[in-house]
């Protein structure tokens, strides 16, 4: 059961990372450079192959004003309104349902 939960968490975080990338109009290489990580490391996170570590998540919080609750749990309540609208547009255009 834990493996299924872990796989779902990785997938959900990856979906949110990709939505942020699209909402900001960035490419994978741009995001990797901005976070000061290798493109392969970013790809591991954005494809759900590796868990997003807290230090990288905190960089995303600083750089893009997302919240840890949104990154890890999908909770949109404290997200900046304009950013959340842009992210929701990308979720919906990709066929994902946006909750909260």
C-alpha atoms as a PDB file:
ATOM      1  CA  UNK A   1       0.000   0.000   0.000  1.00  0.00           C
ATOM      2  CA  UNK A   2       2.834   2.433   0.877  1.00  0.00           C
ATOM      3  CA  UNK A   3       4.436   1.955  -2.557  1.00  0.00           C
ATOM      4  CA  UNK A   4       1.170   2.917  -4.256  1.00  0.00           C
ATOM      5  CA  UNK A   5       0.901   5.993  -2.047  1.00  0.00           C
ATOM      6  CA  UNK A   6       4.518   6.956  -2.744  1.00  0.00           C
ATOM      7  CA  UNK A   7       4.048   6.483  -6.507  1.00  0.00           C
ATOM      8  CA  UNK A   8       0.882   8.588  -6.430  1.00  0.00           C
ATOM      9  CA  UNK A   9       2.632  11.352  -4.472  1.00  0.00           C
ATOM     10  CA  UNK A  10       5.545  11.385  -6.930  1.00  0.00           C
ATOM     11  CA  UNK A  11       3.145  11.541  -9.875  1.00  0.00           C
ATOM     12  CA  UNK A  12       1.015  14.280  -8.315  1.00  0.00           C
ATOM     13  CA  UNK A  13       4.049  16.431  -7.452  1.00  0.00           C
ATOM     14  CA  UNK A  14       5.384  15.926 -10.990  1.00  0.00           C
ATOM     15  CA  UNK A  15       2.065  17.085 -12.466  1.00  0.00           C
ATOM     16  CA  UNK A  16       2.182  20.235 -10.344  1.00  0.00           C
ATOM     17  CA  UNK A  17       5.827  20.911 -11.259  1.00  0.00           C
ATOM     18  CA  UNK A  18       4.963  20.673 -14.942  1.00  0.00           C
ATOM     19  CA  UNK A  19       1.929  22.922 -14.511  1.00  0.00           C
ATOM     20  CA  UNK A  20       4.141  25.531 -12.821  1.00  0.00           C
ATOM     21  CA  UNK A  21       6.680  25.260 -15.624  1.00  0.00           C
ATOM     22  CA  UNK A  22       4.001  25.832 -18.260  1.00  0.00           C
ATOM     23  CA  UNK A  23       2.297  28.624 -16.308  1.00  0.00           C
ATOM     24  CA  UNK A  24       5.618  30.456 -16.122  1.00  0.00           C
ATOM     25  CA  UNK A  25       6.345  29.832 -19.813  1.00  0.00           C
ATOM     26  CA  UNK A  26       9.611  28.109 -19.017  1.00  0.00           C
ATOM     27  CA  UNK A  27      11.431  25.153 -20.498  1.00  0.00           C
ATOM     28  CA  UNK A  28      12.961  22.354 -18.434  1.00  0.00           C
ATOM     29  CA  UNK A  29      16.483  23.719 -18.953  1.00  0.00           C
ATOM     30  CA  UNK A  30      15.362  27.191 -17.804  1.00  0.00           C
ATOM     31  CA  UNK A  31      13.927  25.775 -14.588  1.00  0.00           C
ATOM     32  CA  UNK A  32      17.023  23.680 -13.890  1.00  0.00           C
ATOM     33  CA  UNK A  33      19.244  26.716 -14.386  1.00  0.00           C
ATOM     34  CA  UNK A  34      17.027  28.873 -12.142  1.00  0.00           C
ATOM     35  CA  UNK A  35      17.134  26.243  -9.375  1.00  0.00           C
ATOM     36  CA  UNK A  36      20.871  25.649  -9.876  1.00  0.00           C
ATOM     37  CA  UNK A  37      20.431  21.929 -10.507  1.00  0.00           C
ATOM     38  CA  UNK A  38      21.232  19.796 -13.521  1.00  0.00           C
ATOM     39  CA  UNK A  39      18.597  19.326 -16.232  1.00  0.00           C
ATOM     40  CA  UNK A  40      18.621  15.584 -15.482  1.00  0.00           C
ATOM     41  CA  UNK A  41      17.887  16.228 -11.813  1.00  0.00           C
ATOM     42  CA  UNK A  42      14.968  18.492 -12.746  1.00  0.00           C
ATOM     43  CA  UNK A  43      13.685  15.833 -15.156  1.00  0.00           C
ATOM     44  CA  UNK A  44      13.800  13.247 -12.370  1.00  0.00           C
ATOM     45  CA  UNK A  45      11.496  15.444 -10.266  1.00  0.00           C
ATOM     46  CA  UNK A  46       9.227  16.610 -13.084  1.00  0.00           C
ATOM     47  CA  UNK A  47       8.737  13.076 -14.385  1.00  0.00           C
ATOM     48  CA  UNK A  48       8.006  11.643 -10.945  1.00  0.00           C
ATOM     49  CA  UNK A  49      11.098   9.471 -10.887  1.00  0.00           C
ATOM     50  CA  UNK A  50      12.540  10.976  -7.702  1.00  0.00           C
ATOM     51  CA  UNK A  51      10.956  12.739  -4.727  1.00  0.00           C
ATOM     52  CA  UNK A  52      11.232  16.523  -4.671  1.00  0.00           C
ATOM     53  CA  UNK A  53      13.575  17.349  -1.760  1.00  0.00           C
ATOM     54  CA  UNK A  54      12.630  20.104   0.674  1.00  0.00           C
ATOM     55  CA  UNK A  55      15.606  22.370  -0.239  1.00  0.00           C
ATOM     56  CA  UNK A  56      14.525  22.402  -3.903  1.00  0.00           C
ATOM     57  CA  UNK A  57      10.880  22.882  -2.928  1.00  0.00           C
ATOM     58  CA  UNK A  58      11.916  25.866  -0.794  1.00  0.00           C
ATOM     59  CA  UNK A  59      13.728  27.362  -3.799  1.00  0.00           C
ATOM     60  CA  UNK A  60      10.489  27.011  -5.775  1.00  0.00           C
ATOM     61  CA  UNK A  61       8.623  28.751  -2.946  1.00  0.00           C
ATOM     62  CA  UNK A  62      11.129  31.634  -2.992  1.00  0.00           C
ATOM     63  CA  UNK A  63      11.361  31.971  -6.758  1.00  0.00           C
ATOM     64  CA  UNK A  64       7.729  31.468  -7.769  1.00  0.00           C
ATOM     65  CA  UNK A  65       5.627  32.154  -4.638  1.00  0.00           C
ATOM     66  CA  UNK A  66       4.074  28.680  -4.664  1.00  0.00           C
ATOM     67  CA  UNK A  67       3.417  26.996  -1.334  1.00  0.00           C
ATOM     68  CA  UNK A  68       4.722  23.747   0.076  1.00  0.00           C
ATOM     69  CA  UNK A  69       1.107  22.718   0.662  1.00  0.00           C
ATOM     70  CA  UNK A  70       0.427  23.100  -3.049  1.00  0.00           C
ATOM     71  CA  UNK A  71       3.632  21.402  -4.198  1.00  0.00           C
ATOM     72  CA  UNK A  72       3.240  18.343  -2.003  1.00  0.00           C
ATOM     73  CA  UNK A  73      -0.506  18.156  -1.295  1.00  0.00           C
ATOM     74  CA  UNK A  74      -2.207  20.132  -4.047  1.00  0.00           C
ATOM     75  CA  UNK A  75      -3.790  22.554  -1.553  1.00  0.00           C
ATOM     76  CA  UNK A  76      -4.456  25.827  -3.402  1.00  0.00           C
ATOM     77  CA  UNK A  77      -5.891  27.882  -0.520  1.00  0.00           C
ATOM     78  CA  UNK A  78      -2.812  30.022   0.116  1.00  0.00           C
ATOM     79  CA  UNK A  79      -1.539  30.248  -3.456  1.00  0.00           C
ATOM     80  CA  UNK A  80      -1.348  33.681  -5.134  1.00  0.00           C
ATOM     81  CA  UNK A  81      -4.564  34.143  -7.122  1.00  0.00           C
ATOM     82  CA  UNK A  82      -3.003  35.109 -10.475  1.00  0.00           C
ATOM     83  CA  UNK A  83      -0.515  32.255 -10.390  1.00  0.00           C
ATOM     84  CA  UNK A  84      -3.229  29.775  -9.475  1.00  0.00           C
ATOM     85  CA  UNK A  85      -5.379  30.925 -12.401  1.00  0.00           C
ATOM     86  CA  UNK A  86      -2.488  30.411 -14.820  1.00  0.00           C
ATOM     87  CA  UNK A  87      -1.764  26.977 -13.366  1.00  0.00           C
ATOM     88  CA  UNK A  88      -5.449  25.990 -13.504  1.00  0.00           C
ATOM     89  CA  UNK A  89      -5.568  26.890 -17.186  1.00  0.00           C
ATOM     90  CA  UNK A  90      -2.695  24.508 -17.879  1.00  0.00           C
ATOM     91  CA  UNK A  91      -4.232  21.759 -15.771  1.00  0.00           C
ATOM     92  CA  UNK A  92      -7.531  22.069 -17.620  1.00  0.00           C
ATOM     93  CA  UNK A  93      -5.936  22.245 -21.068  1.00  0.00           C
ATOM     94  CA  UNK A  94      -4.088  19.013 -20.215  1.00  0.00           C
ATOM     95  CA  UNK A  95      -7.358  17.368 -19.134  1.00  0.00           C
ATOM     96  CA  UNK A  96      -6.640  17.369 -15.395  1.00  0.00           C
ATOM     97  CA  UNK A  97      -9.315  18.246 -12.865  1.00  0.00           C
ATOM     98  CA  UNK A  98      -8.410  21.082 -10.538  1.00  0.00           C
ATOM     99  CA  UNK A  99      -9.619  20.712  -6.974  1.00  0.00           C
ATOM    100  CA  UNK A 100      -9.713  23.220  -4.085  1.00  0.00           C
END
